Amino acid sequence: MVDFVVASAKAYSCGSPYFDEETTRALVEQDVARPRDLAATLSTPTLVVHGDHDLPRQLWTTFVPALLQHTGPPPTSTGFVKRTE
């Protein structure tokens, strides 16, 4: 299973120089090893981002803040997000 998923990810990368097979394999191994709770996955809100099958790590500093801006709590009237901890 792990080999298949890694090979698929590599194919999706279309020869991208950013594809990191070692890191991909480690993530897939963790994913395969974790327990499954189908009921939890059906009730968990999900955001699907198309076109980012192989988002290069170098772009994470741009992508992650944008993702958090769209999925985080709404800003207050001052433009700042209230943090509740």
N, C-alpha and C. Protein backbone atom coordinates (compact mmCIF):
# COMPACT_ATOMS: atom_id res chain seq x y z
N MET A 1 0.82 -1.19 0.00
CA MET A 1 0.00 0.00 0.00
C MET A 1 0.87 1.26 0.00
N VAL A 2 1.86 1.30 0.86
CA VAL A 2 2.74 2.47 0.95
C VAL A 2 3.44 2.71 -0.39
N ASP A 3 3.99 1.65 -0.96
CA ASP A 3 4.70 1.79 -2.24
C ASP A 3 3.77 2.34 -3.33
N PHE A 4 2.53 1.86 -3.34
CA PHE A 4 1.57 2.31 -4.35
C PHE A 4 1.28 3.80 -4.20
N VAL A 5 1.02 4.25 -2.97
CA VAL A 5 0.68 5.65 -2.72
C VAL A 5 1.87 6.56 -3.04
N VAL A 6 3.06 6.14 -2.64
CA VAL A 6 4.26 6.93 -2.94
C VAL A 6 4.47 7.02 -4.46
N ALA A 7 4.31 5.89 -5.15
CA ALA A 7 4.47 5.90 -6.61
C ALA A 7 3.43 6.79 -7.27
N SER A 8 2.20 6.78 -6.73
CA SER A 8 1.15 7.65 -7.27
C SER A 8 1.50 9.12 -7.06
N ALA A 9 1.97 9.45 -5.86
CA ALA A 9 2.36 10.84 -5.57
C ALA A 9 3.50 11.28 -6.47
N LYS A 10 4.43 10.38 -6.71
CA LYS A 10 5.55 10.70 -7.60
C LYS A 10 5.05 10.94 -9.02
N ALA A 11 4.10 10.13 -9.47
CA ALA A 11 3.54 10.32 -10.80
C ALA A 11 2.80 11.66 -10.89
N TYR A 12 2.03 12.00 -9.84
CA TYR A 12 1.32 13.28 -9.82
C TYR A 12 2.28 14.47 -9.86
N SER A 13 3.49 14.27 -9.35
CA SER A 13 4.45 15.38 -9.32
C SER A 13 4.99 15.71 -10.71
N CYS A 14 4.76 14.81 -11.66
CA CYS A 14 5.17 15.04 -13.06
C CYS A 14 6.65 15.41 -13.17
N GLY A 15 7.46 14.75 -12.39
CA GLY A 15 8.90 15.00 -12.47
C GLY A 15 9.35 16.28 -11.78
N SER A 16 8.51 16.83 -10.91
CA SER A 16 8.86 18.06 -10.21
C SER A 16 10.16 17.88 -9.43
N PRO A 17 11.05 18.86 -9.53
CA PRO A 17 12.28 18.77 -8.75
C PRO A 17 12.03 18.93 -7.25
N TYR A 18 10.83 19.33 -6.88
CA TYR A 18 10.49 19.53 -5.47
C TYR A 18 9.97 18.26 -4.81
N PHE A 19 9.69 17.21 -5.61
CA PHE A 19 9.15 15.98 -5.01
C PHE A 19 10.19 15.36 -4.10
N ASP A 20 9.79 15.11 -2.86
CA ASP A 20 10.68 14.54 -1.84
C ASP A 20 10.15 13.16 -1.48
N GLU A 21 10.71 12.14 -2.11
CA GLU A 21 10.21 10.79 -1.92
C GLU A 21 10.36 10.31 -0.48
N GLU A 22 11.45 10.65 0.17
CA GLU A 22 11.68 10.20 1.54
C GLU A 22 10.63 10.78 2.49
N THR A 23 10.37 12.07 2.37
CA THR A 23 9.37 12.71 3.22
C THR A 23 7.97 12.19 2.90
N THR A 24 7.68 12.02 1.62
CA THR A 24 6.38 11.49 1.22
C THR A 24 6.17 10.10 1.80
N ARG A 25 7.18 9.25 1.70
CA ARG A 25 7.09 7.89 2.23
C ARG A 25 6.82 7.92 3.74
N ALA A 26 7.53 8.79 4.46
CA ALA A 26 7.34 8.88 5.92
C ALA A 26 5.90 9.30 6.25
N LEU A 27 5.35 10.26 5.52
CA LEU A 27 3.98 10.71 5.76
C LEU A 27 2.97 9.61 5.44
N VAL A 28 3.19 8.90 4.34
CA VAL A 28 2.28 7.82 3.96
C VAL A 28 2.33 6.70 4.99
N GLU A 29 3.52 6.37 5.47
CA GLU A 29 3.64 5.32 6.49
C GLU A 29 2.88 5.70 7.75
N GLN A 30 2.97 6.97 8.15
CA GLN A 30 2.22 7.43 9.33
C GLN A 30 0.72 7.34 9.09
N ASP A 31 0.30 7.73 7.89
CA ASP A 31 -1.12 7.71 7.56
C ASP A 31 -1.66 6.29 7.56
N VAL A 32 -0.93 5.37 6.99
CA VAL A 32 -1.37 3.97 6.93
C VAL A 32 -1.42 3.35 8.33
N ALA A 33 -0.51 3.76 9.19
CA ALA A 33 -0.42 3.17 10.53
C ALA A 33 -1.47 3.67 11.51
N ARG A 34 -2.05 4.83 11.26
CA ARG A 34 -2.99 5.38 12.25
C ARG A 34 -4.33 4.66 12.20
N PRO A 35 -5.00 4.61 13.35
CA PRO A 35 -6.29 3.94 13.41
C PRO A 35 -7.34 4.70 12.60
N ARG A 36 -8.34 4.00 12.18
CA ARG A 36 -9.40 4.61 11.39
C ARG A 36 -10.69 4.68 12.20
N ASP A 37 -11.35 5.81 12.13
CA ASP A 37 -12.64 5.99 12.76
C ASP A 37 -13.56 6.60 11.71
N LEU A 38 -14.27 5.74 10.99
CA LEU A 38 -15.09 6.19 9.87
C LEU A 38 -16.11 7.23 10.30
N ALA A 39 -16.74 7.03 11.45
CA ALA A 39 -17.75 7.98 11.92
C ALA A 39 -17.13 9.37 12.11
N ALA A 40 -15.92 9.43 12.65
CA ALA A 40 -15.26 10.71 12.87
C ALA A 40 -14.94 11.39 11.54
N THR A 41 -14.51 10.61 10.56
CA THR A 41 -14.16 11.22 9.27
C THR A 41 -15.38 11.74 8.55
N LEU A 42 -16.53 11.16 8.80
CA LEU A 42 -17.75 11.63 8.15
C LEU A 42 -18.30 12.90 8.78
N SER A 43 -17.95 13.16 10.03
CA SER A 43 -18.48 14.34 10.72
C SER A 43 -17.46 15.47 10.82
N THR A 44 -16.27 15.29 10.30
CA THR A 44 -15.23 16.29 10.39
C THR A 44 -15.34 17.26 9.21
N PRO A 45 -15.40 18.58 9.48
CA PRO A 45 -15.43 19.54 8.37
C PRO A 45 -14.17 19.38 7.51
N THR A 46 -14.34 19.50 6.22
CA THR A 46 -13.23 19.26 5.30
C THR A 46 -13.13 20.39 4.29
N LEU A 47 -11.92 20.81 4.02
CA LEU A 47 -11.64 21.78 2.96
C LEU A 47 -10.82 21.07 1.90
N VAL A 48 -11.29 21.10 0.68
CA VAL A 48 -10.56 20.47 -0.42
C VAL A 48 -9.86 21.56 -1.21
N VAL A 49 -8.55 21.42 -1.35
CA VAL A 49 -7.75 22.38 -2.12
C VAL A 49 -7.29 21.66 -3.38
N HIS A 50 -7.81 22.08 -4.51
CA HIS A 50 -7.47 21.43 -5.77
C HIS A 50 -6.16 21.99 -6.32
N GLY A 51 -5.40 21.13 -6.97
CA GLY A 51 -4.18 21.57 -7.64
C GLY A 51 -2.95 21.58 -6.76
N ASP A 52 -3.07 21.08 -5.54
CA ASP A 52 -1.92 21.12 -4.63
C ASP A 52 -1.51 19.73 -4.18
N HIS A 53 -1.49 18.78 -5.11
CA HIS A 53 -1.09 17.41 -4.77
C HIS A 53 0.37 17.36 -4.33
N ASP A 54 1.16 18.23 -4.89
CA ASP A 54 2.59 18.23 -4.59
C ASP A 54 3.03 19.67 -4.35
N LEU A 55 2.48 20.27 -3.31
CA LEU A 55 2.83 21.65 -3.00
C LEU A 55 4.25 21.68 -2.46
N PRO A 56 5.18 22.30 -3.18
CA PRO A 56 6.57 22.32 -2.73
C PRO A 56 6.70 22.98 -1.35
N ARG A 57 7.53 22.40 -0.53
CA ARG A 57 7.76 22.92 0.83
C ARG A 57 8.13 24.40 0.80
N GLN A 58 8.81 24.83 -0.25
CA GLN A 58 9.22 26.22 -0.36
C GLN A 58 8.02 27.17 -0.45
N LEU A 59 6.86 26.67 -0.82
CA LEU A 59 5.66 27.51 -0.93
C LEU A 59 4.79 27.47 0.32
N TRP A 60 5.13 26.63 1.29
CA TRP A 60 4.31 26.51 2.49
C TRP A 60 4.17 27.83 3.23
N THR A 61 5.23 28.65 3.25
CA THR A 61 5.16 29.92 3.99
C THR A 61 4.17 30.90 3.35
N THR A 62 3.84 30.70 2.10
CA THR A 62 2.82 31.51 1.43
C THR A 62 1.45 30.85 1.56
N PHE A 63 1.41 29.54 1.33
CA PHE A 63 0.15 28.81 1.28
C PHE A 63 -0.51 28.68 2.65
N VAL A 64 0.24 28.31 3.66
CA VAL A 64 -0.35 28.03 4.98
C VAL A 64 -1.02 29.27 5.58
N PRO A 65 -0.39 30.45 5.58
CA PRO A 65 -1.11 31.61 6.10
C PRO A 65 -2.39 31.93 5.32
N ALA A 66 -2.36 31.75 4.01
CA ALA A 66 -3.56 31.99 3.21
C ALA A 66 -4.65 30.99 3.57
N LEU A 67 -4.27 29.74 3.77
CA LEU A 67 -5.22 28.70 4.16
C LEU A 67 -5.83 29.03 5.52
N LEU A 68 -4.99 29.43 6.47
CA LEU A 68 -5.49 29.76 7.80
C LEU A 68 -6.40 30.98 7.77
N GLN A 69 -6.10 31.92 6.89
CA GLN A 69 -6.95 33.11 6.77
C GLN A 69 -8.35 32.72 6.31
N HIS A 70 -8.44 31.74 5.43
CA HIS A 70 -9.74 31.33 4.90
C HIS A 70 -10.48 30.34 5.80
N THR A 71 -9.77 29.67 6.69
CA THR A 71 -10.41 28.65 7.51
C THR A 71 -10.46 29.01 8.99
N GLY A 72 -9.83 30.09 9.36
CA GLY A 72 -9.78 30.49 10.77
C GLY A 72 -11.01 31.26 11.18
N PRO A 73 -11.03 31.72 12.43
CA PRO A 73 -12.17 32.49 12.92
C PRO A 73 -12.25 33.83 12.20
N PRO A 74 -13.45 34.39 12.10
CA PRO A 74 -13.58 35.69 11.42
C PRO A 74 -12.88 36.78 12.22
N PRO A 75 -12.34 37.78 11.53
CA PRO A 75 -11.67 38.88 12.25
C PRO A 75 -12.69 39.73 13.00
N THR A 76 -12.21 40.43 14.00
CA THR A 76 -13.07 41.35 14.76
C THR A 76 -13.17 42.65 13.98
N SER A 77 -13.91 43.60 14.53
CA SER A 77 -14.07 44.89 13.85
C SER A 77 -12.74 45.63 13.75
N THR A 78 -11.78 45.28 14.59
CA THR A 78 -10.47 45.94 14.52
C THR A 78 -9.58 45.29 13.47
N GLY A 79 -10.03 44.17 12.93
CA GLY A 79 -9.22 43.46 11.94
C GLY A 79 -8.36 42.38 12.54
N PHE A 80 -8.36 42.29 13.87
CA PHE A 80 -7.57 41.27 14.54
C PHE A 80 -8.46 40.12 14.97
N VAL A 81 -7.90 38.94 14.97
CA VAL A 81 -8.65 37.76 15.39
C VAL A 81 -8.53 37.62 16.90
N LYS A 82 -9.67 37.42 17.55
CA LYS A 82 -9.65 37.17 19.00
C LYS A 82 -9.23 35.72 19.22
N ARG A 83 -8.24 35.53 20.04
CA ARG A 83 -7.78 34.17 20.37
C ARG A 83 -8.42 33.74 21.68
N THR A 84 -8.96 32.55 21.69
CA THR A 84 -9.50 31.99 22.92
C THR A 84 -8.69 30.75 23.26
N GLU A 85 -8.06 30.79 24.39
CA GLU A 85 -7.21 29.66 24.81
C GLU A 85 -7.54 29.26 26.21
